[in-house]
C-alpha cells in the first residue's frame, strides 16, 4: 500500500498566525519572549522585499541568554520603515580614502548570515544591490552596504569604523600558529 495522498500538510508559519510583539516590547529582556528584530516571536520574518520591519535595538552588541545579539547596521529609511536613517545624511566626500576603502572591503567580505529571494536597490543610484545579509559576529548588514560606502561615500559611525580597524589590525598582527594544522591533519 502506498503513502496516503489525502493527508493535509502542516500549517505554514506566517506572520498572520504568530503573536505580534509591540514596538515597546522590543526592548524587553523577558526570557519567555524573545522577539526577533522584526518584532515577531519565533522564526525570523522579514518585511516587504526582505527588509526588517522595525528599527534595531540602540547601542552596541547585546546579550540575550547565552547568545550575543548582532547589531544591525546599513538599512535605510523608506515609507515602510520611516525610523531608519536617510543615506543622504551620511554622505562624507572628505572621508579618508584609505579608511573608506578598508571599511568597504571589510563590509564586502563578511560571513553570509541570510539570503533573501529578491534584490534590494540602492536608494541613491538605483542599481541592484544584493540579496544577502553579512555578519562578522558583532554586526549584521546588507550585502549592498559596501556599495554605499565605496560608491557614495556613506560614512559609517565611528564605532563601526573602529571595530573594523581593530579586527583588521588583529588579523594582520596576530602571531600565526603554523604547527597546529600539520599536527591536526596528521602530517607531522
N, C-alpha and C. Protein backbone atom coordinates (compact mmCIF):
# COMPACT_ATOMS: atom_id res chain seq x y z
N UNK A 1 0.83 -1.17 0.00
CA UNK A 1 0.00 0.00 0.00
C UNK A 1 0.88 1.25 0.00
N UNK A 2 0.58 2.23 -0.85
CA UNK A 2 1.40 3.44 -0.98
C UNK A 2 1.07 4.46 0.09
N UNK A 3 1.79 5.59 0.09
CA UNK A 3 1.56 6.64 1.08
C UNK A 3 0.19 7.28 0.87
N UNK A 4 -0.38 7.78 1.96
CA UNK A 4 -1.67 8.46 1.87
C UNK A 4 -1.51 9.79 1.13
N UNK A 5 -2.42 10.06 0.23
CA UNK A 5 -2.35 11.30 -0.51
C UNK A 5 -3.34 12.33 -0.01
N UNK A 6 -4.25 11.93 0.91
CA UNK A 6 -5.24 12.87 1.39
C UNK A 6 -4.82 13.57 2.69
N UNK A 7 -3.59 13.29 3.15
CA UNK A 7 -3.11 13.91 4.38
C UNK A 7 -2.85 15.39 4.15
N UNK A 8 -3.24 16.22 5.10
CA UNK A 8 -3.02 17.66 4.98
C UNK A 8 -1.58 18.00 5.37
N UNK A 9 -0.99 18.92 4.64
CA UNK A 9 0.36 19.35 5.03
C UNK A 9 0.28 20.16 6.33
N UNK A 10 1.40 20.28 7.06
CA UNK A 10 1.39 21.07 8.29
C UNK A 10 1.10 22.53 7.95
N UNK A 11 0.54 23.29 8.90
CA UNK A 11 0.25 24.70 8.61
C UNK A 11 1.53 25.47 8.32
N UNK A 12 1.42 26.44 7.43
CA UNK A 12 2.56 27.28 7.06
C UNK A 12 2.77 28.33 8.14
N UNK A 13 4.03 28.54 8.51
CA UNK A 13 4.38 29.53 9.52
C UNK A 13 4.42 30.90 8.85
N UNK A 14 3.43 31.74 9.12
CA UNK A 14 3.37 33.07 8.52
C UNK A 14 3.19 34.11 9.61
N UNK A 15 3.43 35.41 9.28
CA UNK A 15 3.23 36.45 10.27
C UNK A 15 1.80 36.48 10.80
N UNK A 16 0.82 36.05 10.01
CA UNK A 16 -0.57 36.12 10.43
C UNK A 16 -0.93 35.10 11.50
N UNK A 17 -0.16 34.03 11.66
CA UNK A 17 -0.51 33.06 12.69
C UNK A 17 0.52 33.02 13.82
N UNK A 18 1.30 34.08 13.96
CA UNK A 18 2.24 34.21 15.07
C UNK A 18 1.89 35.42 15.90
N UNK A 19 2.17 35.38 17.21
CA UNK A 19 1.88 36.55 18.03
C UNK A 19 2.78 37.72 17.65
N UNK A 20 2.21 38.89 17.57
CA UNK A 20 2.93 40.11 17.23
C UNK A 20 3.44 40.77 18.51
N UNK A 21 4.66 41.27 18.48
CA UNK A 21 5.22 41.98 19.62
C UNK A 21 5.17 43.46 19.31
N UNK A 22 4.67 44.24 20.23
CA UNK A 22 4.58 45.68 20.03
C UNK A 22 5.97 46.30 20.07
N UNK A 23 6.12 47.47 19.42
CA UNK A 23 7.40 48.17 19.37
C UNK A 23 7.97 48.38 20.77
N UNK A 24 7.12 48.74 21.73
CA UNK A 24 7.60 48.99 23.09
C UNK A 24 8.15 47.73 23.75
N UNK A 25 7.71 46.56 23.31
CA UNK A 25 8.17 45.31 23.90
C UNK A 25 9.52 44.86 23.35
N UNK A 26 10.00 45.49 22.26
CA UNK A 26 11.26 45.05 21.66
C UNK A 26 12.43 45.25 22.60
N UNK A 27 12.32 46.17 23.54
CA UNK A 27 13.41 46.44 24.46
C UNK A 27 13.30 45.60 25.71
N UNK A 28 12.30 44.76 25.80
CA UNK A 28 12.10 43.89 26.95
C UNK A 28 13.12 42.75 26.93
N UNK A 29 13.65 42.44 28.07
CA UNK A 29 14.58 41.32 28.18
C UNK A 29 13.91 40.11 28.81
N UNK A 30 12.58 40.08 28.80
CA UNK A 30 11.85 38.97 29.40
C UNK A 30 12.25 37.66 28.76
N UNK A 31 12.68 36.66 29.55
CA UNK A 31 13.20 35.42 28.98
C UNK A 31 12.15 34.60 28.24
N UNK A 32 10.85 34.78 28.57
CA UNK A 32 9.85 33.96 27.91
C UNK A 32 9.41 34.55 26.57
N UNK A 33 9.84 35.74 26.24
CA UNK A 33 9.52 36.35 24.95
C UNK A 33 10.82 36.85 24.34
N UNK A 34 11.21 36.27 23.27
CA UNK A 34 12.44 36.67 22.59
C UNK A 34 12.09 37.10 21.17
N UNK A 35 11.62 38.34 20.98
CA UNK A 35 11.26 38.76 19.62
C UNK A 35 12.50 38.89 18.77
N UNK A 36 12.37 38.53 17.51
CA UNK A 36 13.47 38.79 16.60
C UNK A 36 13.40 40.25 16.20
N UNK A 37 14.31 40.71 15.33
CA UNK A 37 14.39 42.13 15.02
C UNK A 37 13.22 42.64 14.21
N UNK A 38 12.34 41.80 13.73
CA UNK A 38 11.17 42.26 13.01
C UNK A 38 9.97 42.41 13.92
N UNK A 39 10.10 42.02 15.18
CA UNK A 39 9.01 42.17 16.12
C UNK A 39 8.18 40.92 16.27
N UNK A 40 8.52 39.85 15.60
CA UNK A 40 7.77 38.61 15.75
C UNK A 40 8.46 37.71 16.74
N UNK A 41 7.67 36.99 17.50
CA UNK A 41 8.22 35.99 18.40
C UNK A 41 8.39 34.72 17.58
N UNK A 42 9.56 34.15 17.57
CA UNK A 42 9.77 32.91 16.83
C UNK A 42 10.73 33.11 15.68
N UNK A 43 10.51 32.37 14.61
CA UNK A 43 11.40 32.37 13.46
C UNK A 43 11.50 33.73 12.81
N UNK A 44 12.64 34.03 12.20
CA UNK A 44 12.86 35.29 11.51
C UNK A 44 11.85 35.48 10.39
N UNK A 45 11.26 36.62 10.33
CA UNK A 45 10.42 37.01 9.21
C UNK A 45 10.84 38.39 8.78
N UNK A 46 10.77 38.68 7.52
CA UNK A 46 11.17 39.98 7.03
C UNK A 46 9.96 40.73 6.52
N UNK A 47 10.14 42.02 6.35
CA UNK A 47 9.09 42.86 5.80
C UNK A 47 9.10 42.79 4.29
N UNK A 48 8.54 43.80 3.67
CA UNK A 48 8.49 43.84 2.22
C UNK A 48 9.91 43.80 1.66
N UNK A 49 10.11 43.09 0.60
CA UNK A 49 11.39 42.96 -0.08
C UNK A 49 12.51 42.45 0.82
N UNK A 50 12.15 41.73 1.86
CA UNK A 50 13.17 41.12 2.71
C UNK A 50 13.82 42.08 3.69
N UNK A 51 13.29 43.30 3.82
CA UNK A 51 13.89 44.25 4.75
C UNK A 51 13.26 44.10 6.12
N UNK A 52 14.04 44.34 7.18
CA UNK A 52 13.46 44.28 8.51
C UNK A 52 12.34 45.30 8.64
N UNK A 53 11.41 45.06 9.54
CA UNK A 53 10.25 45.94 9.64
C UNK A 53 10.27 46.86 10.85
N UNK A 54 11.27 46.76 11.73
CA UNK A 54 11.37 47.70 12.84
C UNK A 54 12.82 48.08 13.03
N UNK A 55 13.05 49.17 13.74
CA UNK A 55 14.40 49.65 13.98
C UNK A 55 15.15 48.68 14.89
N UNK A 56 16.47 48.58 14.73
CA UNK A 56 17.25 47.72 15.61
C UNK A 56 17.32 48.31 17.01
N UNK A 57 17.71 47.49 17.96
CA UNK A 57 17.90 47.98 19.32
C UNK A 57 19.07 48.95 19.33
N UNK A 58 18.97 50.05 20.10
CA UNK A 58 20.06 51.02 20.13
C UNK A 58 21.27 50.47 20.86
N UNK A 59 22.40 51.12 20.65
CA UNK A 59 23.61 50.74 21.36
C UNK A 59 24.39 49.68 20.61
N UNK A 60 25.38 49.13 21.26
CA UNK A 60 26.23 48.12 20.65
C UNK A 60 25.68 46.73 20.85
N UNK A 61 26.53 45.73 20.72
CA UNK A 61 26.09 44.34 20.87
C UNK A 61 25.44 44.12 22.23
N UNK A 62 24.38 43.32 22.24
CA UNK A 62 23.66 42.98 23.45
C UNK A 62 23.68 41.47 23.63
N UNK A 63 23.51 41.03 24.85
CA UNK A 63 23.45 39.61 25.12
C UNK A 63 22.02 39.23 25.48
N UNK A 64 21.58 38.08 24.99
CA UNK A 64 20.28 37.55 25.34
C UNK A 64 20.51 36.09 25.70
N UNK A 65 20.49 35.80 26.97
CA UNK A 65 20.80 34.44 27.40
C UNK A 65 22.25 34.15 27.07
N UNK A 66 22.49 33.04 26.40
CA UNK A 66 23.84 32.65 26.02
C UNK A 66 24.23 33.18 24.66
N UNK A 67 23.30 33.85 23.96
CA UNK A 67 23.58 34.32 22.60
C UNK A 67 23.85 35.82 22.60
N UNK A 68 24.86 36.23 21.87
CA UNK A 68 25.12 37.65 21.70
C UNK A 68 24.26 38.17 20.57
N UNK A 69 23.59 39.27 20.80
CA UNK A 69 22.78 39.86 19.74
C UNK A 69 23.68 40.54 18.74
N UNK A 70 23.35 40.39 17.48
CA UNK A 70 24.04 41.11 16.43
C UNK A 70 23.44 42.51 16.32
N UNK A 71 24.28 43.48 16.07
CA UNK A 71 23.83 44.86 15.91
C UNK A 71 23.62 45.11 14.42
N UNK A 72 22.40 45.47 14.07
CA UNK A 72 22.03 45.69 12.67
C UNK A 72 22.48 47.07 12.22
N UNK A 73 23.16 47.14 11.09
CA UNK A 73 23.59 48.41 10.51
C UNK A 73 23.28 48.40 9.02
N UNK A 74 23.22 49.58 8.42
CA UNK A 74 23.16 49.70 6.96
C UNK A 74 21.80 49.58 6.32
N UNK A 75 20.72 49.73 7.08
CA UNK A 75 19.39 49.77 6.48
C UNK A 75 18.92 51.20 6.44
N UNK A 76 18.10 51.54 5.43
CA UNK A 76 17.77 52.93 5.16
C UNK A 76 16.27 53.21 5.23
N UNK A 77 15.97 54.45 5.45
CA UNK A 77 14.60 54.95 5.56
C UNK A 77 13.81 54.63 4.30
N UNK A 78 12.54 54.30 4.52
CA UNK A 78 11.60 54.08 3.42
C UNK A 78 10.21 54.42 3.95
N UNK A 79 9.21 54.37 3.09
CA UNK A 79 7.84 54.60 3.55
C UNK A 79 7.45 53.55 4.59
N UNK A 80 7.87 52.32 4.36
CA UNK A 80 7.54 51.23 5.30
C UNK A 80 8.33 51.33 6.60
N UNK A 81 9.53 51.91 6.54
CA UNK A 81 10.41 52.00 7.71
C UNK A 81 10.93 53.42 7.88
N UNK A 82 10.09 54.35 8.34
CA UNK A 82 10.50 55.76 8.41
C UNK A 82 11.50 56.09 9.51
N UNK A 83 11.77 55.17 10.42
CA UNK A 83 12.70 55.45 11.52
C UNK A 83 14.16 55.16 11.20
N UNK A 84 14.42 54.48 10.08
CA UNK A 84 15.80 54.20 9.69
C UNK A 84 16.46 55.51 9.22
N UNK A 85 17.79 55.57 9.24
CA UNK A 85 18.46 56.79 8.76
C UNK A 85 18.32 56.96 7.25
N UNK A 86 18.45 58.20 6.80
CA UNK A 86 18.46 58.52 5.38
C UNK A 86 19.92 58.46 4.92
N UNK A 87 20.26 57.68 3.89
CA UNK A 87 21.67 57.58 3.48
C UNK A 87 22.25 58.91 3.05
N UNK A 88 21.42 59.82 2.53
CA UNK A 88 21.92 61.13 2.12
C UNK A 88 22.53 61.91 3.29
N UNK A 89 22.05 61.64 4.50
CA UNK A 89 22.55 62.34 5.68
C UNK A 89 23.93 61.85 6.10
N UNK A 90 24.40 60.74 5.56
CA UNK A 90 25.68 60.16 5.96
C UNK A 90 26.76 60.28 4.89
N UNK A 91 26.48 60.97 3.78
CA UNK A 91 27.49 61.14 2.74
C UNK A 91 28.59 62.06 3.27
N UNK A 92 29.85 61.62 3.12
CA UNK A 92 31.00 62.41 3.56
C UNK A 92 32.11 62.25 2.53
N UNK A 93 32.12 63.14 1.55
CA UNK A 93 33.13 63.08 0.47
C UNK A 93 34.54 63.32 1.00
N UNK A 94 34.67 63.91 2.19
CA UNK A 94 36.00 64.20 2.73
C UNK A 94 36.58 63.03 3.52
N UNK A 95 35.84 61.92 3.62
CA UNK A 95 36.29 60.75 4.38
C UNK A 95 37.61 60.26 3.79
N UNK A 96 38.57 59.98 4.65
CA UNK A 96 39.88 59.49 4.24
C UNK A 96 39.74 58.29 3.32
N UNK A 97 40.38 58.35 2.14
CA UNK A 97 40.23 57.29 1.13
C UNK A 97 40.67 55.92 1.65
N UNK A 98 41.79 55.86 2.38
CA UNK A 98 42.28 54.57 2.89
C UNK A 98 41.30 53.96 3.89
N UNK A 99 40.79 54.79 4.81
CA UNK A 99 39.84 54.30 5.80
C UNK A 99 38.54 53.85 5.13
N UNK A 100 38.12 54.61 4.16
CA UNK A 100 36.89 54.27 3.41
C UNK A 100 37.06 52.97 2.64
N UNK A 101 38.20 52.80 1.99
CA UNK A 101 38.46 51.57 1.23
C UNK A 101 38.53 50.35 2.14
N UNK A 102 39.19 50.50 3.29
CA UNK A 102 39.26 49.41 4.27
C UNK A 102 37.86 49.03 4.74
N UNK A 103 37.04 50.04 5.04
CA UNK A 103 35.68 49.80 5.51
C UNK A 103 34.85 49.11 4.45
N UNK A 104 34.91 49.58 3.21
CA UNK A 104 34.14 48.97 2.12
C UNK A 104 34.59 47.53 1.87
N UNK A 105 35.89 47.31 1.88
CA UNK A 105 36.42 45.96 1.66
C UNK A 105 35.96 45.00 2.76
N UNK A 106 36.00 45.45 3.99
CA UNK A 106 35.55 44.63 5.12
C UNK A 106 34.07 44.30 4.98
N UNK A 107 33.27 45.30 4.67
CA UNK A 107 31.82 45.09 4.54
C UNK A 107 31.47 44.18 3.37
N UNK A 108 32.32 44.12 2.37
CA UNK A 108 32.07 43.26 1.20
C UNK A 108 32.46 41.81 1.45
N UNK A 109 33.11 41.55 2.58
CA UNK A 109 33.64 40.20 2.79
C UNK A 109 33.19 39.55 4.09
N UNK A 110 32.00 39.86 4.54
CA UNK A 110 31.51 39.23 5.76
C UNK A 110 31.08 37.80 5.52
N UNK A 111 30.67 37.13 6.58
CA UNK A 111 30.11 35.79 6.50
C UNK A 111 28.63 35.90 6.17
N UNK A 112 28.16 35.13 5.20
CA UNK A 112 26.75 35.18 4.82
C UNK A 112 25.91 34.68 5.98
N UNK A 113 24.98 35.52 6.42
CA UNK A 113 24.08 35.17 7.52
C UNK A 113 22.72 34.76 6.99
N UNK A 114 22.22 35.45 5.98
CA UNK A 114 20.89 35.18 5.43
C UNK A 114 20.87 35.53 3.95
N UNK A 115 20.00 34.83 3.23
CA UNK A 115 19.76 35.14 1.82
C UNK A 115 18.27 35.41 1.65
N UNK A 116 17.95 36.37 0.82
CA UNK A 116 16.56 36.74 0.57
C UNK A 116 16.22 36.46 -0.89
N UNK A 117 14.95 36.34 -1.19
CA UNK A 117 14.52 35.95 -2.53
C UNK A 117 14.55 37.10 -3.53
N UNK A 118 14.56 38.33 -3.09
CA UNK A 118 14.58 39.45 -4.00
C UNK A 118 15.78 40.33 -3.74
N UNK A 119 16.16 41.11 -4.75
CA UNK A 119 17.30 42.02 -4.62
C UNK A 119 16.81 43.38 -4.14
N UNK A 120 17.61 44.01 -3.28
CA UNK A 120 17.32 45.39 -2.91
C UNK A 120 17.95 46.30 -3.96
N UNK A 121 17.52 47.52 -4.00
CA UNK A 121 18.09 48.51 -4.91
C UNK A 121 18.74 49.62 -4.10
N UNK A 122 19.81 50.16 -4.62
CA UNK A 122 20.48 51.28 -3.98
C UNK A 122 19.51 52.46 -3.92
N UNK A 123 19.40 53.08 -2.77
CA UNK A 123 18.50 54.21 -2.59
C UNK A 123 19.04 55.47 -3.25
N UNK A 124 20.31 55.46 -3.67
CA UNK A 124 20.90 56.65 -4.26
C UNK A 124 21.05 56.57 -5.77
N UNK A 125 21.40 55.39 -6.30
CA UNK A 125 21.60 55.29 -7.75
C UNK A 125 20.70 54.25 -8.42
N UNK A 126 20.00 53.43 -7.65
CA UNK A 126 19.02 52.51 -8.19
C UNK A 126 19.52 51.16 -8.68
N UNK A 127 20.83 50.89 -8.61
CA UNK A 127 21.32 49.60 -9.09
C UNK A 127 20.87 48.48 -8.16
N UNK A 128 20.80 47.24 -8.69
CA UNK A 128 20.56 46.09 -7.83
C UNK A 128 21.72 45.98 -6.87
N UNK A 129 21.40 45.78 -5.61
CA UNK A 129 22.41 45.93 -4.58
C UNK A 129 22.51 44.73 -3.64
N UNK A 130 22.17 43.55 -4.14
CA UNK A 130 22.36 42.35 -3.34
C UNK A 130 21.10 41.81 -2.73
N UNK A 131 21.20 40.56 -2.28
CA UNK A 131 20.09 39.88 -1.62
C UNK A 131 20.54 39.10 -0.39
N UNK A 132 21.69 39.49 0.17
CA UNK A 132 22.25 38.77 1.31
C UNK A 132 22.40 39.70 2.50
N UNK A 133 22.54 39.10 3.66
CA UNK A 133 23.00 39.81 4.85
C UNK A 133 24.30 39.15 5.27
N UNK A 134 25.27 39.98 5.65
CA UNK A 134 26.56 39.51 6.14
C UNK A 134 26.67 39.78 7.63
N UNK A 135 27.57 39.04 8.27
CA UNK A 135 27.89 39.29 9.67
C UNK A 135 29.37 39.06 9.90
N UNK A 136 29.86 39.64 10.99
CA UNK A 136 31.20 39.34 11.47
C UNK A 136 31.14 38.83 12.91
N UNK A 137 29.93 38.50 13.35
CA UNK A 137 29.73 38.04 14.71
C UNK A 137 29.37 39.16 15.67
N UNK A 138 29.56 40.40 15.26
CA UNK A 138 29.20 41.56 16.06
C UNK A 138 28.11 42.36 15.36
N UNK A 139 28.32 42.64 14.09
CA UNK A 139 27.36 43.42 13.30
C UNK A 139 26.69 42.52 12.26
N UNK A 140 25.52 42.95 11.81
CA UNK A 140 24.77 42.30 10.74
C UNK A 140 24.40 43.40 9.76
N UNK A 141 24.72 43.21 8.46
CA UNK A 141 24.49 44.28 7.49
C UNK A 141 24.09 43.70 6.13
N UNK A 142 23.39 44.52 5.33
CA UNK A 142 23.01 44.07 3.99
C UNK A 142 24.21 44.04 3.06
N UNK A 143 24.16 43.14 2.11
CA UNK A 143 25.25 42.98 1.14
C UNK A 143 25.62 44.29 0.47
N UNK A 144 24.66 45.12 0.18
CA UNK A 144 24.92 46.35 -0.56
C UNK A 144 25.54 47.47 0.25
N UNK A 145 25.76 47.28 1.55
CA UNK A 145 26.34 48.36 2.34
C UNK A 145 27.73 48.75 1.84
N UNK A 146 28.50 47.79 1.39
CA UNK A 146 29.83 48.11 0.84
C UNK A 146 29.71 49.03 -0.36
N UNK A 147 28.68 48.85 -1.18
CA UNK A 147 28.45 49.73 -2.34
C UNK A 147 28.21 51.17 -1.87
N UNK A 148 27.39 51.34 -0.84
CA UNK A 148 27.12 52.69 -0.33
C UNK A 148 28.39 53.37 0.14
N UNK A 149 29.24 52.63 0.84
CA UNK A 149 30.50 53.18 1.34
C UNK A 149 31.44 53.49 0.18
N UNK A 150 31.61 52.54 -0.72
CA UNK A 150 32.56 52.67 -1.82
C UNK A 150 32.12 53.68 -2.87
N UNK A 151 30.90 53.59 -3.32
CA UNK A 151 30.43 54.41 -4.45
C UNK A 151 29.82 55.75 -4.04
N UNK A 152 29.25 55.83 -2.84
CA UNK A 152 28.53 57.04 -2.45
C UNK A 152 29.10 57.73 -1.22
N UNK A 153 30.22 57.24 -0.70
CA UNK A 153 30.90 57.85 0.44
C UNK A 153 30.00 57.95 1.67
N UNK A 154 29.18 56.92 1.88
CA UNK A 154 28.38 56.86 3.09
C UNK A 154 29.33 56.51 4.23
N UNK A 155 29.46 57.42 5.16
CA UNK A 155 30.40 57.20 6.27
C UNK A 155 29.71 56.45 7.40
N UNK A 156 30.33 55.36 7.78
CA UNK A 156 29.82 54.57 8.90
C UNK A 156 30.12 55.30 10.21
N UNK A 157 29.31 55.05 11.24
CA UNK A 157 29.60 55.64 12.56
C UNK A 157 30.99 55.24 13.03
N UNK A 158 31.60 56.11 13.82
CA UNK A 158 32.97 55.88 14.29
C UNK A 158 33.11 54.56 15.03
N UNK A 159 32.09 54.13 15.77
CA UNK A 159 32.18 52.86 16.49
C UNK A 159 32.31 51.68 15.52
N UNK A 160 31.66 51.75 14.37
CA UNK A 160 31.75 50.68 13.37
C UNK A 160 33.13 50.71 12.72
N UNK A 161 33.60 51.89 12.34
CA UNK A 161 34.93 52.01 11.71
C UNK A 161 36.01 51.55 12.68
N UNK A 162 35.92 51.93 13.95
CA UNK A 162 36.92 51.50 14.94
C UNK A 162 36.91 49.98 15.10
N UNK A 163 35.72 49.40 15.13
CA UNK A 163 35.59 47.94 15.22
C UNK A 163 36.30 47.28 14.03
N UNK A 164 36.06 47.77 12.84
CA UNK A 164 36.67 47.22 11.63
C UNK A 164 38.19 47.35 11.70
N UNK A 165 38.66 48.52 12.09
CA UNK A 165 40.12 48.73 12.17
C UNK A 165 40.76 47.80 13.20
N UNK A 166 40.11 47.61 14.36
CA UNK A 166 40.64 46.69 15.38
C UNK A 166 40.70 45.26 14.85
N UNK A 167 39.62 44.83 14.18
CA UNK A 167 39.59 43.45 13.63
C UNK A 167 40.68 43.26 12.59
N UNK A 168 40.85 44.22 11.71
CA UNK A 168 41.86 44.10 10.65
C UNK A 168 43.27 44.15 11.25
N UNK A 169 43.50 45.00 12.23
CA UNK A 169 44.80 45.07 12.88
C UNK A 169 45.13 43.73 13.54
N UNK A 170 44.14 43.15 14.21
CA UNK A 170 44.35 41.85 14.86
C UNK A 170 44.71 40.78 13.84
N UNK A 171 44.00 40.76 12.73
CA UNK A 171 44.28 39.77 11.69
C UNK A 171 45.69 39.95 11.15
N UNK A 172 46.08 41.19 10.91
CA UNK A 172 47.40 41.47 10.32
C UNK A 172 48.55 41.28 11.29
N UNK A 173 48.31 41.42 12.60
CA UNK A 173 49.42 41.42 13.54
C UNK A 173 49.46 40.27 14.53
N UNK A 174 48.45 39.45 14.57
CA UNK A 174 48.47 38.30 15.47
C UNK A 174 49.52 37.30 15.02
N UNK A 175 50.20 36.66 15.97
CA UNK A 175 51.13 35.60 15.59
C UNK A 175 50.36 34.43 14.96
N UNK A 176 51.01 33.73 14.08
CA UNK A 176 50.38 32.62 13.37
C UNK A 176 50.96 31.30 13.87
N UNK A 177 50.08 30.40 14.26
CA UNK A 177 50.50 29.05 14.67
C UNK A 177 50.58 28.20 13.41
N UNK A 178 51.78 27.91 12.98
CA UNK A 178 51.98 27.14 11.75
C UNK A 178 52.05 25.63 11.98
N UNK A 179 52.03 25.20 13.24
CA UNK A 179 52.17 23.77 13.51
C UNK A 179 50.83 23.07 13.74
N UNK A 180 49.81 23.76 14.23
CA UNK A 180 48.57 23.11 14.61
C UNK A 180 47.96 22.32 13.46
N UNK A 181 47.85 22.89 12.31
CA UNK A 181 47.20 22.22 11.18
C UNK A 181 47.98 20.97 10.76
N UNK A 182 49.28 21.06 10.79
CA UNK A 182 50.09 19.89 10.42
C UNK A 182 49.82 18.74 11.38
N UNK A 183 49.75 19.03 12.66
CA UNK A 183 49.50 18.00 13.67
C UNK A 183 48.06 17.49 13.54
N UNK A 184 47.12 18.40 13.46
CA UNK A 184 45.70 18.01 13.39
C UNK A 184 45.40 17.20 12.14
N UNK A 185 46.06 17.50 11.05
CA UNK A 185 45.82 16.79 9.80
C UNK A 185 46.65 15.51 9.71
N UNK A 186 47.50 15.28 10.70
CA UNK A 186 48.26 14.03 10.74
C UNK A 186 49.47 14.01 9.84
N UNK A 187 49.95 15.15 9.39
CA UNK A 187 51.13 15.14 8.52
C UNK A 187 52.42 15.33 9.31
N UNK A 188 52.33 15.49 10.61
CA UNK A 188 53.54 15.64 11.42
C UNK A 188 53.57 14.63 12.53
